[in-house]
Amino acid sequence: MTRILSMAQTEFRIALRNRWVTVAVAMMVLFSLVLSAAGSAPTGDLGADRLSVIVASLTSLAVYLVPLVALLMSFDAVAGEVERGTLPLLLTYPLSRTEVLLGKLLAHLAVLTIAIGAGYGLAAIGAWAMDGRSVEGLPALWRLTWSSVTLGAVFLGAGYALSSLARRPSGAAGLAIGLWLGAIVLYDLGLLAALVADNGGVFTTRVFPWAMLANPADAFRLFNLAASEATSAAVGLSGAANTIPPWQALTSLALWPVLALALAVAAFRKVTP
């Protein structure tokens, strides 16, 4: 554990030097404040406190932004070491390859947690300043915070796997953007097209719920919306959130980080110095 923490400390310093902490915090704060200001408009119509409505809007933001930030931080975690010629030196340290990736994961999760906490925290402060009832939405905000970090861990692991497979930062960057587009954008568009074509058939009733749970981003969104008092503020998934049990979405979300890290370790073991 000491070796892993030492690796994490080194990686966190590199993230500070490369301005990743500043960039991640700035992105989360900016988009959180903008979206919370826009997403709080239907508060009176829904009868929910301001923070609960903002959490529903922040859920949609997190689905897109958290995986993107995670992939941007992780796509050159291995490929960058290969290109700079530092991988042979790194592997001479008394660290296994699994410990190297765990150290990188802890450092990048720390950066992501700081960014998420800053963004959501400022949004919560703004909501509380404008609506004293916003304290009722704190459990939903806490649930969104830790589940966002879990979602980030999924895509950090996926980024390490792609970085190990590509072995060049340019190739890893292309794969990372492709993964983000496929998992976050095109996947849901494909499901929507299939729903329209199926017109209430077998796919809609039996396949669609499992297809939603198979995607960590959709599982994250379903888990947060299912327990929210303002699901109608989120477009497109409120019906699905009410039909799929929250524990199923949570199980999917909890299993994906383990699977992603296992794939990353397997890919990293095949990388030669």
C-alpha atoms as a PDB file:
ATOM      1  CA  MET A   1       0.000   0.000   0.000  1.00  0.00           C
ATOM      2  CA  THR A   2       2.898   2.347   0.734  1.00  0.00           C
ATOM      3  CA  ARG A   3       4.279   1.790  -2.755  1.00  0.00           C
ATOM      4  CA  ILE A   4       0.887   2.503  -4.326  1.00  0.00           C
ATOM      5  CA  LEU A   5       0.484   5.715  -2.306  1.00  0.00           C
ATOM      6  CA  SER A   6       3.981   6.811  -3.284  1.00  0.00           C
ATOM      7  CA  MET A   7       3.134   6.263  -6.942  1.00  0.00           C
ATOM      8  CA  ALA A   8      -0.126   8.158  -6.479  1.00  0.00           C
ATOM      9  CA  GLN A   9       1.692  11.085  -4.876  1.00  0.00           C
ATOM     10  CA  THR A  10       4.092  11.294  -7.811  1.00  0.00           C
ATOM     11  CA  GLU A  11       1.272  11.160 -10.355  1.00  0.00           C
ATOM     12  CA  PHE A  12      -0.685  13.822  -8.487  1.00  0.00           C
ATOM     13  CA  ARG A  13       2.309  16.141  -8.614  1.00  0.00           C
ATOM     14  CA  ILE A  14       2.564  15.519 -12.352  1.00  0.00           C
ATOM     15  CA  ALA A  15      -1.136  16.374 -12.703  1.00  0.00           C
ATOM     16  CA  LEU A  16      -0.541  19.612 -10.802  1.00  0.00           C
ATOM     17  CA  ARG A  17       2.413  20.485 -12.999  1.00  0.00           C
ATOM     18  CA  ASN A  18       0.464  19.728 -16.161  1.00  0.00           C
ATOM     19  CA  ARG A  19      -2.449  21.915 -14.964  1.00  0.00           C
ATOM     20  CA  TRP A  20      -4.878  18.983 -15.015  1.00  0.00           C
ATOM     21  CA  VAL A  21      -6.187  19.909 -11.576  1.00  0.00           C
ATOM     22  CA  THR A  22      -6.823  23.494 -12.673  1.00  0.00           C
ATOM     23  CA  VAL A  23      -8.426  22.455 -15.975  1.00  0.00           C
ATOM     24  CA  ALA A  24     -10.667  19.811 -14.397  1.00  0.00           C
ATOM     25  CA  VAL A  25     -11.830  22.119 -11.600  1.00  0.00           C
ATOM     26  CA  ALA A  26     -12.471  24.982 -14.032  1.00  0.00           C
ATOM     27  CA  MET A  27     -14.523  22.774 -16.354  1.00  0.00           C
ATOM     28  CA  MET A  28     -16.662  21.301 -13.578  1.00  0.00           C
ATOM     29  CA  VAL A  29     -17.240  24.656 -11.856  1.00  0.00           C
ATOM     30  CA  LEU A  30     -18.120  26.492 -15.066  1.00  0.00           C
ATOM     31  CA  PHE A  31     -20.529  23.906 -16.424  1.00  0.00           C
ATOM     32  CA  SER A  32     -22.064  23.178 -13.014  1.00  0.00           C
ATOM     33  CA  LEU A  33     -22.855  26.830 -12.367  1.00  0.00           C
ATOM     34  CA  VAL A  34     -24.249  27.410 -15.844  1.00  0.00           C
ATOM     35  CA  LEU A  35     -26.358  24.258 -15.843  1.00  0.00           C
ATOM     36  CA  SER A  36     -27.590  24.769 -12.289  1.00  0.00           C
ATOM     37  CA  ALA A  37     -28.743  28.275 -13.168  1.00  0.00           C
ATOM     38  CA  ALA A  38     -30.613  27.000 -16.215  1.00  0.00           C
ATOM     39  CA  GLY A  39     -31.853  23.790 -14.616  1.00  0.00           C
ATOM     40  CA  SER A  40     -33.413  25.446 -11.583  1.00  0.00           C
ATOM     41  CA  ALA A  41     -36.112  27.156 -13.660  1.00  0.00           C
ATOM     42  CA  PRO A  42     -38.811  24.460 -13.195  1.00  0.00           C
ATOM     43  CA  THR A  43     -38.498  24.418  -9.389  1.00  0.00           C
ATOM     44  CA  GLY A  44     -41.887  25.960  -8.752  1.00  0.00           C
ATOM     45  CA  ASP A  45     -43.668  23.721 -11.237  1.00  0.00           C
ATOM     46  CA  LEU A  46     -42.227  20.539  -9.769  1.00  0.00           C
ATOM     47  CA  GLY A  47     -42.811  21.459  -6.131  1.00  0.00           C
ATOM     48  CA  ALA A  48     -39.314  20.234  -5.234  1.00  0.00           C
ATOM     49  CA  ASP A  49     -36.578  22.175  -3.520  1.00  0.00           C
ATOM     50  CA  ARG A  50     -34.126  24.007  -5.735  1.00  0.00           C
ATOM     51  CA  LEU A  51     -31.167  21.720  -5.027  1.00  0.00           C
ATOM     52  CA  SER A  52     -33.094  18.548  -5.938  1.00  0.00           C
ATOM     53  CA  VAL A  53     -33.946  20.020  -9.318  1.00  0.00           C
ATOM     54  CA  ILE A  54     -30.350  21.147  -9.818  1.00  0.00           C
ATOM     55  CA  VAL A  55     -29.122  17.630  -8.963  1.00  0.00           C
ATOM     56  CA  ALA A  56     -31.305  16.222 -11.748  1.00  0.00           C
ATOM     57  CA  SER A  57     -29.702  18.696 -14.162  1.00  0.00           C
ATOM     58  CA  LEU A  58     -26.199  17.986 -12.843  1.00  0.00           C
ATOM     59  CA  THR A  59     -26.804  14.282 -13.455  1.00  0.00           C
ATOM     60  CA  SER A  60     -27.133  14.984 -17.170  1.00  0.00           C
ATOM     61  CA  LEU A  61     -23.976  17.116 -17.035  1.00  0.00           C
ATOM     62  CA  ALA A  62     -21.989  14.419 -15.226  1.00  0.00           C
ATOM     63  CA  VAL A  63     -22.909  11.757 -17.794  1.00  0.00           C
ATOM     64  CA  TYR A  64     -21.123  13.764 -20.491  1.00  0.00           C
ATOM     65  CA  LEU A  65     -18.415  15.693 -18.657  1.00  0.00           C
ATOM     66  CA  VAL A  66     -17.063  13.260 -16.043  1.00  0.00           C
ATOM     67  CA  PRO A  67     -16.174  10.489 -18.574  1.00  0.00           C
ATOM     68  CA  LEU A  68     -14.612  13.098 -20.873  1.00  0.00           C
ATOM     69  CA  VAL A  69     -12.398  14.531 -18.118  1.00  0.00           C
ATOM     70  CA  ALA A  70     -11.445  11.019 -16.989  1.00  0.00           C
ATOM     71  CA  LEU A  71     -10.429   9.966 -20.504  1.00  0.00           C
ATOM     72  CA  LEU A  72      -8.462  13.178 -21.070  1.00  0.00           C
ATOM     73  CA  MET A  73      -6.454  12.481 -17.923  1.00  0.00           C
ATOM     74  CA  SER A  74      -5.840   8.799 -18.600  1.00  0.00           C
ATOM     75  CA  PHE A  75      -5.337   8.376 -22.343  1.00  0.00           C
ATOM     76  CA  ASP A  76      -1.563   8.947 -22.153  1.00  0.00           C
ATOM     77  CA  ALA A  77      -0.974   7.287 -18.776  1.00  0.00           C
ATOM     78  CA  VAL A  78       0.900   4.422 -20.447  1.00  0.00           C
ATOM     79  CA  ALA A  79       1.366   5.666 -24.002  1.00  0.00           C
ATOM     80  CA  GLY A  80       2.969   8.843 -22.693  1.00  0.00           C
ATOM     81  CA  GLU A  81       5.465   6.835 -20.651  1.00  0.00           C
ATOM     82  CA  VAL A  82       6.329   4.793 -23.753  1.00  0.00           C
ATOM     83  CA  GLU A  83       6.798   7.844 -25.972  1.00  0.00           C
ATOM     84  CA  ARG A  84       8.915   9.716 -23.421  1.00  0.00           C
ATOM     85  CA  GLY A  85      11.053   6.629 -22.831  1.00  0.00           C
ATOM     86  CA  THR A  86      10.322   6.629 -19.087  1.00  0.00           C
ATOM     87  CA  LEU A  87       8.487   3.297 -18.987  1.00  0.00           C
ATOM     88  CA  PRO A  88      11.681   1.171 -18.639  1.00  0.00           C
ATOM     89  CA  LEU A  89      12.756   3.343 -15.684  1.00  0.00           C
ATOM     90  CA  LEU A  90       9.292   3.118 -14.135  1.00  0.00           C
ATOM     91  CA  LEU A  91       9.309  -0.665 -14.367  1.00  0.00           C
ATOM     92  CA  THR A  92      12.664  -0.870 -12.557  1.00  0.00           C
ATOM     93  CA  TYR A  93      11.001   0.433  -9.400  1.00  0.00           C
ATOM     94  CA  PRO A  94       9.855  -2.151  -6.836  1.00  0.00           C
ATOM     95  CA  LEU A  95       6.305  -1.890  -8.152  1.00  0.00           C
ATOM     96  CA  SER A  96       4.219  -4.424  -9.977  1.00  0.00           C
ATOM     97  CA  ARG A  97       2.332  -3.266 -13.053  1.00  0.00           C
ATOM     98  CA  THR A  98      -0.925  -3.548 -11.143  1.00  0.00           C
ATOM     99  CA  GLU A  99       0.470  -1.283  -8.426  1.00  0.00           C
ATOM    100  CA  VAL A 100       1.577   1.244 -11.039  1.00  0.00           C
ATOM    101  CA  LEU A 101      -1.935   1.459 -12.449  1.00  0.00           C
ATOM    102  CA  LEU A 102      -3.479   1.594  -8.979  1.00  0.00           C
ATOM    103  CA  GLY A 103      -1.203   4.507  -8.093  1.00  0.00           C
ATOM    104  CA  LYS A 104      -2.173   6.350 -11.255  1.00  0.00           C
ATOM    105  CA  LEU A 105      -5.833   5.592 -10.562  1.00  0.00           C
ATOM    106  CA  LEU A 106      -5.698   6.995  -7.025  1.00  0.00           C
ATOM    107  CA  ALA A 107      -4.007  10.188  -8.227  1.00  0.00           C
ATOM    108  CA  HIS A 108      -6.434  10.761 -11.069  1.00  0.00           C
ATOM    109  CA  LEU A 109      -9.403   9.939  -8.833  1.00  0.00           C
ATOM    110  CA  ALA A 110      -8.137  12.559  -6.382  1.00  0.00           C
ATOM    111  CA  VAL A 111      -8.043  15.153  -9.170  1.00  0.00           C
ATOM    112  CA  LEU A 112     -11.509  14.138 -10.323  1.00  0.00           C
ATOM    113  CA  THR A 113     -12.898  14.220  -6.775  1.00  0.00           C
ATOM    114  CA  ILE A 114     -11.547  17.727  -6.220  1.00  0.00           C
ATOM    115  CA  ALA A 115     -13.095  18.918  -9.484  1.00  0.00           C
ATOM    116  CA  ILE A 116     -16.462  17.263  -8.788  1.00  0.00           C
ATOM    117  CA  GLY A 117     -16.545  18.548  -5.221  1.00  0.00           C
ATOM    118  CA  ALA A 118     -15.772  22.098  -6.342  1.00  0.00           C
ATOM    119  CA  GLY A 119     -18.366  22.088  -9.116  1.00  0.00           C
ATOM    120  CA  TYR A 120     -21.189  20.479  -7.178  1.00  0.00           C
ATOM    121  CA  GLY A 121     -20.308  22.342  -3.995  1.00  0.00           C
ATOM    122  CA  LEU A 122     -20.582  25.775  -5.576  1.00  0.00           C
ATOM    123  CA  ALA A 123     -23.849  24.778  -7.252  1.00  0.00           C
ATOM    124  CA  ALA A 124     -25.208  23.661  -3.864  1.00  0.00           C
ATOM    125  CA  ILE A 125     -24.119  26.901  -2.180  1.00  0.00           C
ATOM    126  CA  GLY A 126     -25.863  28.910  -4.878  1.00  0.00           C
ATOM    127  CA  ALA A 127     -29.030  26.833  -4.509  1.00  0.00           C
ATOM    128  CA  TRP A 128     -29.033  27.208  -0.728  1.00  0.00           C
ATOM    129  CA  ALA A 129     -28.534  30.976  -0.989  1.00  0.00           C
ATOM    130  CA  MET A 130     -31.655  31.278  -3.174  1.00  0.00           C
ATOM    131  CA  ASP A 131     -33.813  28.621  -1.503  1.00  0.00           C
ATOM    132  CA  GLY A 132     -33.571  27.716   2.161  1.00  0.00           C
ATOM    133  CA  ARG A 133     -35.312  24.392   1.493  1.00  0.00           C
ATOM    134  CA  SER A 134     -32.312  23.235  -0.521  1.00  0.00           C
ATOM    135  CA  VAL A 135     -30.938  21.367   2.495  1.00  0.00           C
ATOM    136  CA  GLU A 136     -33.544  18.712   1.679  1.00  0.00           C
ATOM    137  CA  GLY A 137     -31.610  17.934  -1.492  1.00  0.00           C
ATOM    138  CA  LEU A 138     -28.258  17.276   0.243  1.00  0.00           C
ATOM    139  CA  PRO A 139     -28.708  13.452   0.284  1.00  0.00           C
ATOM    140  CA  ALA A 140     -29.321  13.526  -3.479  1.00  0.00           C
ATOM    141  CA  LEU A 141     -26.241  15.716  -3.959  1.00  0.00           C
ATOM    142  CA  TRP A 142     -24.092  13.345  -1.884  1.00  0.00           C
ATOM    143  CA  ARG A 143     -25.385  10.378  -3.897  1.00  0.00           C
ATOM    144  CA  LEU A 144     -24.573  12.202  -7.128  1.00  0.00           C
ATOM    145  CA  THR A 145     -21.079  13.083  -5.887  1.00  0.00           C
ATOM    146  CA  TRP A 146     -19.863   9.597  -4.986  1.00  0.00           C
ATOM    147  CA  SER A 147     -21.559   7.990  -7.983  1.00  0.00           C
ATOM    148  CA  SER A 148     -19.868  10.566 -10.256  1.00  0.00           C
ATOM    149  CA  VAL A 149     -16.486   9.565  -8.824  1.00  0.00           C
ATOM    150  CA  THR A 150     -17.390   5.916  -9.439  1.00  0.00           C
ATOM    151  CA  LEU A 151     -18.327   6.720 -13.041  1.00  0.00           C
ATOM    152  CA  GLY A 152     -15.015   8.528 -13.427  1.00  0.00           C
ATOM    153  CA  ALA A 153     -13.175   5.446 -12.167  1.00  0.00           C
ATOM    154  CA  VAL A 154     -14.794   3.400 -14.944  1.00  0.00           C
ATOM    155  CA  PHE A 155     -13.480   5.651 -17.680  1.00  0.00           C
ATOM    156  CA  LEU A 156     -10.100   6.107 -16.027  1.00  0.00           C
ATOM    157  CA  GLY A 157      -9.652   2.341 -16.189  1.00  0.00           C
ATOM    158  CA  ALA A 158     -10.875   2.303 -19.782  1.00  0.00           C
ATOM    159  CA  GLY A 159      -8.432   5.073 -20.619  1.00  0.00           C
ATOM    160  CA  TYR A 160      -5.521   3.092 -19.177  1.00  0.00           C
ATOM    161  CA  ALA A 161      -6.544   0.078 -21.244  1.00  0.00           C
ATOM    162  CA  LEU A 162      -6.701   2.139 -24.455  1.00  0.00           C
ATOM    163  CA  SER A 163      -3.391   3.806 -23.608  1.00  0.00           C
ATOM    164  CA  SER A 164      -1.760   0.407 -23.193  1.00  0.00           C
ATOM    165  CA  LEU A 165      -3.219  -0.905 -26.443  1.00  0.00           C
ATOM    166  CA  ALA A 166      -2.313   2.157 -28.541  1.00  0.00           C
ATOM    167  CA  ARG A 167       1.192   2.716 -27.073  1.00  0.00           C
ATOM    168  CA  ARG A 168       1.245   6.173 -28.713  1.00  0.00           C
ATOM    169  CA  PRO A 169      -0.523   9.225 -27.259  1.00  0.00           C
ATOM    170  CA  SER A 170      -1.977  10.235 -30.630  1.00  0.00           C
ATOM    171  CA  GLY A 171      -3.521   6.818 -31.172  1.00  0.00           C
ATOM    172  CA  ALA A 172      -4.709   6.636 -27.568  1.00  0.00           C
ATOM    173  CA  ALA A 173      -6.347  10.062 -27.897  1.00  0.00           C
ATOM    174  CA  GLY A 174      -8.256   8.915 -30.967  1.00  0.00           C
ATOM    175  CA  LEU A 175      -9.405   5.748 -29.233  1.00  0.00           C
ATOM    176  CA  ALA A 176     -10.449   7.721 -26.150  1.00  0.00           C
ATOM    177  CA  ILE A 177     -12.573  10.154 -28.150  1.00  0.00           C
ATOM    178  CA  GLY A 178     -14.072   7.229 -30.052  1.00  0.00           C
ATOM    179  CA  LEU A 179     -14.950   5.492 -26.785  1.00  0.00           C
ATOM    180  CA  TRP A 180     -16.558   8.655 -25.417  1.00  0.00           C
ATOM    181  CA  LEU A 181     -18.622   9.182 -28.553  1.00  0.00           C
ATOM    182  CA  GLY A 182     -19.645   5.540 -28.695  1.00  0.00           C
ATOM    183  CA  ALA A 183     -20.505   5.009 -25.035  1.00  0.00           C
ATOM    184  CA  ILE A 184     -21.970   8.406 -24.221  1.00  0.00           C
ATOM    185  CA  VAL A 185     -23.540   9.681 -27.447  1.00  0.00           C
ATOM    186  CA  LEU A 186     -24.020   6.997 -30.081  1.00  0.00           C
ATOM    187  CA  TYR A 187     -25.072   4.225 -27.689  1.00  0.00           C
ATOM    188  CA  ASP A 188     -28.171   6.092 -26.538  1.00  0.00           C
ATOM    189  CA  LEU A 189     -28.973   7.189 -30.076  1.00  0.00           C
ATOM    190  CA  GLY A 190     -28.826   3.556 -31.164  1.00  0.00           C
ATOM    191  CA  LEU A 191     -31.145   2.511 -28.338  1.00  0.00           C
ATOM    192  CA  LEU A 192     -33.573   5.266 -29.255  1.00  0.00           C
ATOM    193  CA  ALA A 193     -33.594   4.191 -32.890  1.00  0.00           C
ATOM    194  CA  ALA A 194     -34.163   0.584 -31.852  1.00  0.00           C
ATOM    195  CA  LEU A 195     -37.058   1.606 -29.599  1.00  0.00           C
ATOM    196  CA  VAL A 196     -38.720   3.498 -32.418  1.00  0.00           C
ATOM    197  CA  ALA A 197     -38.268   0.607 -34.833  1.00  0.00           C
ATOM    198  CA  ASP A 198     -39.445  -1.976 -32.287  1.00  0.00           C
ATOM    199  CA  ASN A 199     -42.650  -0.058 -31.495  1.00  0.00           C
ATOM    200  CA  GLY A 200     -43.291  -1.694 -28.131  1.00  0.00           C
ATOM    201  CA  GLY A 201     -42.129  -5.183 -29.054  1.00  0.00           C
ATOM    202  CA  VAL A 202     -39.725  -7.623 -27.449  1.00  0.00           C
ATOM    203  CA  PHE A 203     -36.743  -5.244 -27.568  1.00  0.00           C
ATOM    204  CA  THR A 204     -38.641  -2.559 -25.672  1.00  0.00           C
ATOM    205  CA  THR A 205     -39.964  -4.834 -22.939  1.00  0.00           C
ATOM    206  CA  ARG A 206     -37.073  -7.257 -22.432  1.00  0.00           C
ATOM    207  CA  VAL A 207     -33.847  -6.157 -24.122  1.00  0.00           C
ATOM    208  CA  PHE A 208     -33.944  -2.403 -23.538  1.00  0.00           C
ATOM    209  CA  PRO A 209     -33.670  -2.460 -19.700  1.00  0.00           C
ATOM    210  CA  TRP A 210     -30.638  -4.753 -19.850  1.00  0.00           C
ATOM    211  CA  ALA A 211     -29.096  -2.641 -22.608  1.00  0.00           C
ATOM    212  CA  MET A 212     -29.397   0.399 -20.344  1.00  0.00           C
ATOM    213  CA  LEU A 213     -27.739  -1.427 -17.455  1.00  0.00           C
ATOM    214  CA  ALA A 214     -24.917  -2.628 -19.720  1.00  0.00           C
ATOM    215  CA  ASN A 215     -23.694   0.936 -20.204  1.00  0.00           C
ATOM    216  CA  PRO A 216     -22.077   2.458 -17.073  1.00  0.00           C
ATOM    217  CA  ALA A 217     -23.128   5.972 -18.081  1.00  0.00           C
ATOM    218  CA  ASP A 218     -26.766   4.943 -18.394  1.00  0.00           C
ATOM    219  CA  ALA A 219     -26.592   2.934 -15.167  1.00  0.00           C
ATOM    220  CA  PHE A 220     -25.227   6.023 -13.408  1.00  0.00           C
ATOM    221  CA  ARG A 221     -28.016   8.183 -14.779  1.00  0.00           C
ATOM    222  CA  LEU A 222     -30.726   5.654 -13.949  1.00  0.00           C
ATOM    223  CA  PHE A 223     -29.464   5.227 -10.381  1.00  0.00           C
ATOM    224  CA  ASN A 224     -29.503   8.959  -9.671  1.00  0.00           C
ATOM    225  CA  LEU A 225     -32.799   9.679 -11.416  1.00  0.00           C
ATOM    226  CA  ALA A 226     -34.600   6.742  -9.805  1.00  0.00           C
ATOM    227  CA  ALA A 227     -33.983   8.172  -6.329  1.00  0.00           C
ATOM    228  CA  SER A 228     -34.575  11.797  -7.318  1.00  0.00           C
ATOM    229  CA  GLU A 229     -37.698  13.757  -6.484  1.00  0.00           C
ATOM    230  CA  ALA A 230     -37.341  15.734  -9.701  1.00  0.00           C
ATOM    231  CA  THR A 231     -36.915  13.108 -12.408  1.00  0.00           C
ATOM    232  CA  SER A 232     -39.317  14.919 -14.679  1.00  0.00           C
ATOM    233  CA  ALA A 233     -36.748  17.689 -14.960  1.00  0.00           C
ATOM    234  CA  ALA A 234     -34.491  15.293 -16.829  1.00  0.00           C
ATOM    235  CA  VAL A 235     -35.467  14.553 -20.372  1.00  0.00           C
ATOM    236  CA  GLY A 236     -35.715  11.108 -21.921  1.00  0.00           C
ATOM    237  CA  LEU A 237     -34.938   8.722 -19.084  1.00  0.00           C
ATOM    238  CA  SER A 238     -37.523   9.491 -16.413  1.00  0.00           C
ATOM    239  CA  GLY A 239     -39.707   6.597 -17.585  1.00  0.00           C
ATOM    240  CA  ALA A 240     -36.812   4.147 -17.641  1.00  0.00           C
ATOM    241  CA  ALA A 241     -35.670   5.362 -14.222  1.00  0.00           C
ATOM    242  CA  ASN A 242     -39.051   4.438 -12.794  1.00  0.00           C
ATOM    243  CA  THR A 243     -39.127   0.920 -14.259  1.00  0.00           C
ATOM    244  CA  ILE A 244     -35.572  -0.299 -13.513  1.00  0.00           C
ATOM    245  CA  PRO A 245     -34.858  -0.941  -9.787  1.00  0.00           C
ATOM    246  CA  PRO A 246     -32.126   1.352  -8.391  1.00  0.00           C
ATOM    247  CA  TRP A 247     -30.189  -1.610  -6.975  1.00  0.00           C
ATOM    248  CA  GLN A 248     -29.713  -3.037 -10.460  1.00  0.00           C
ATOM    249  CA  ALA A 249     -28.293   0.247 -11.732  1.00  0.00           C
ATOM    250  CA  LEU A 250     -26.067   0.521  -8.662  1.00  0.00           C
ATOM    251  CA  THR A 251     -24.786  -3.035  -9.135  1.00  0.00           C
ATOM    252  CA  SER A 252     -23.862  -2.305 -12.742  1.00  0.00           C
ATOM    253  CA  LEU A 253     -22.150   0.938 -11.764  1.00  0.00           C
ATOM    254  CA  ALA A 254     -20.185  -0.797  -8.988  1.00  0.00           C
ATOM    255  CA  LEU A 255     -18.982  -3.672 -11.199  1.00  0.00           C
ATOM    256  CA  TRP A 256     -17.746  -1.552 -14.105  1.00  0.00           C
ATOM    257  CA  PRO A 257     -14.708   0.033 -12.337  1.00  0.00           C
ATOM    258  CA  VAL A 258     -13.440  -3.427 -11.396  1.00  0.00           C
ATOM    259  CA  LEU A 259     -13.907  -4.703 -14.940  1.00  0.00           C
ATOM    260  CA  ALA A 260     -12.280  -1.633 -16.501  1.00  0.00           C
ATOM    261  CA  LEU A 261      -9.254  -1.851 -14.201  1.00  0.00           C
ATOM    262  CA  ALA A 262      -8.904  -5.588 -14.894  1.00  0.00           C
ATOM    263  CA  LEU A 263      -8.872  -4.879 -18.647  1.00  0.00           C
ATOM    264  CA  ALA A 264      -6.291  -2.139 -18.110  1.00  0.00           C
ATOM    265  CA  VAL A 265      -4.014  -4.446 -16.108  1.00  0.00           C
ATOM    266  CA  ALA A 266      -4.299  -7.175 -18.749  1.00  0.00           C
ATOM    267  CA  ALA A 267      -3.446  -4.715 -21.536  1.00  0.00           C
ATOM    268  CA  PHE A 268      -0.573  -3.129 -19.567  1.00  0.00           C
ATOM    269  CA  ARG A 269       1.055  -6.507 -18.973  1.00  0.00           C
ATOM    270  CA  LYS A 270       1.462  -6.883 -22.747  1.00  0.00           C
ATOM    271  CA  VAL A 271       3.297  -3.572 -23.103  1.00  0.00           C
ATOM    272  CA  THR A 272       7.036  -4.091 -23.557  1.00  0.00           C
ATOM    273  CA  PRO A 273       9.474  -1.376 -22.442  1.00  0.00           C
END
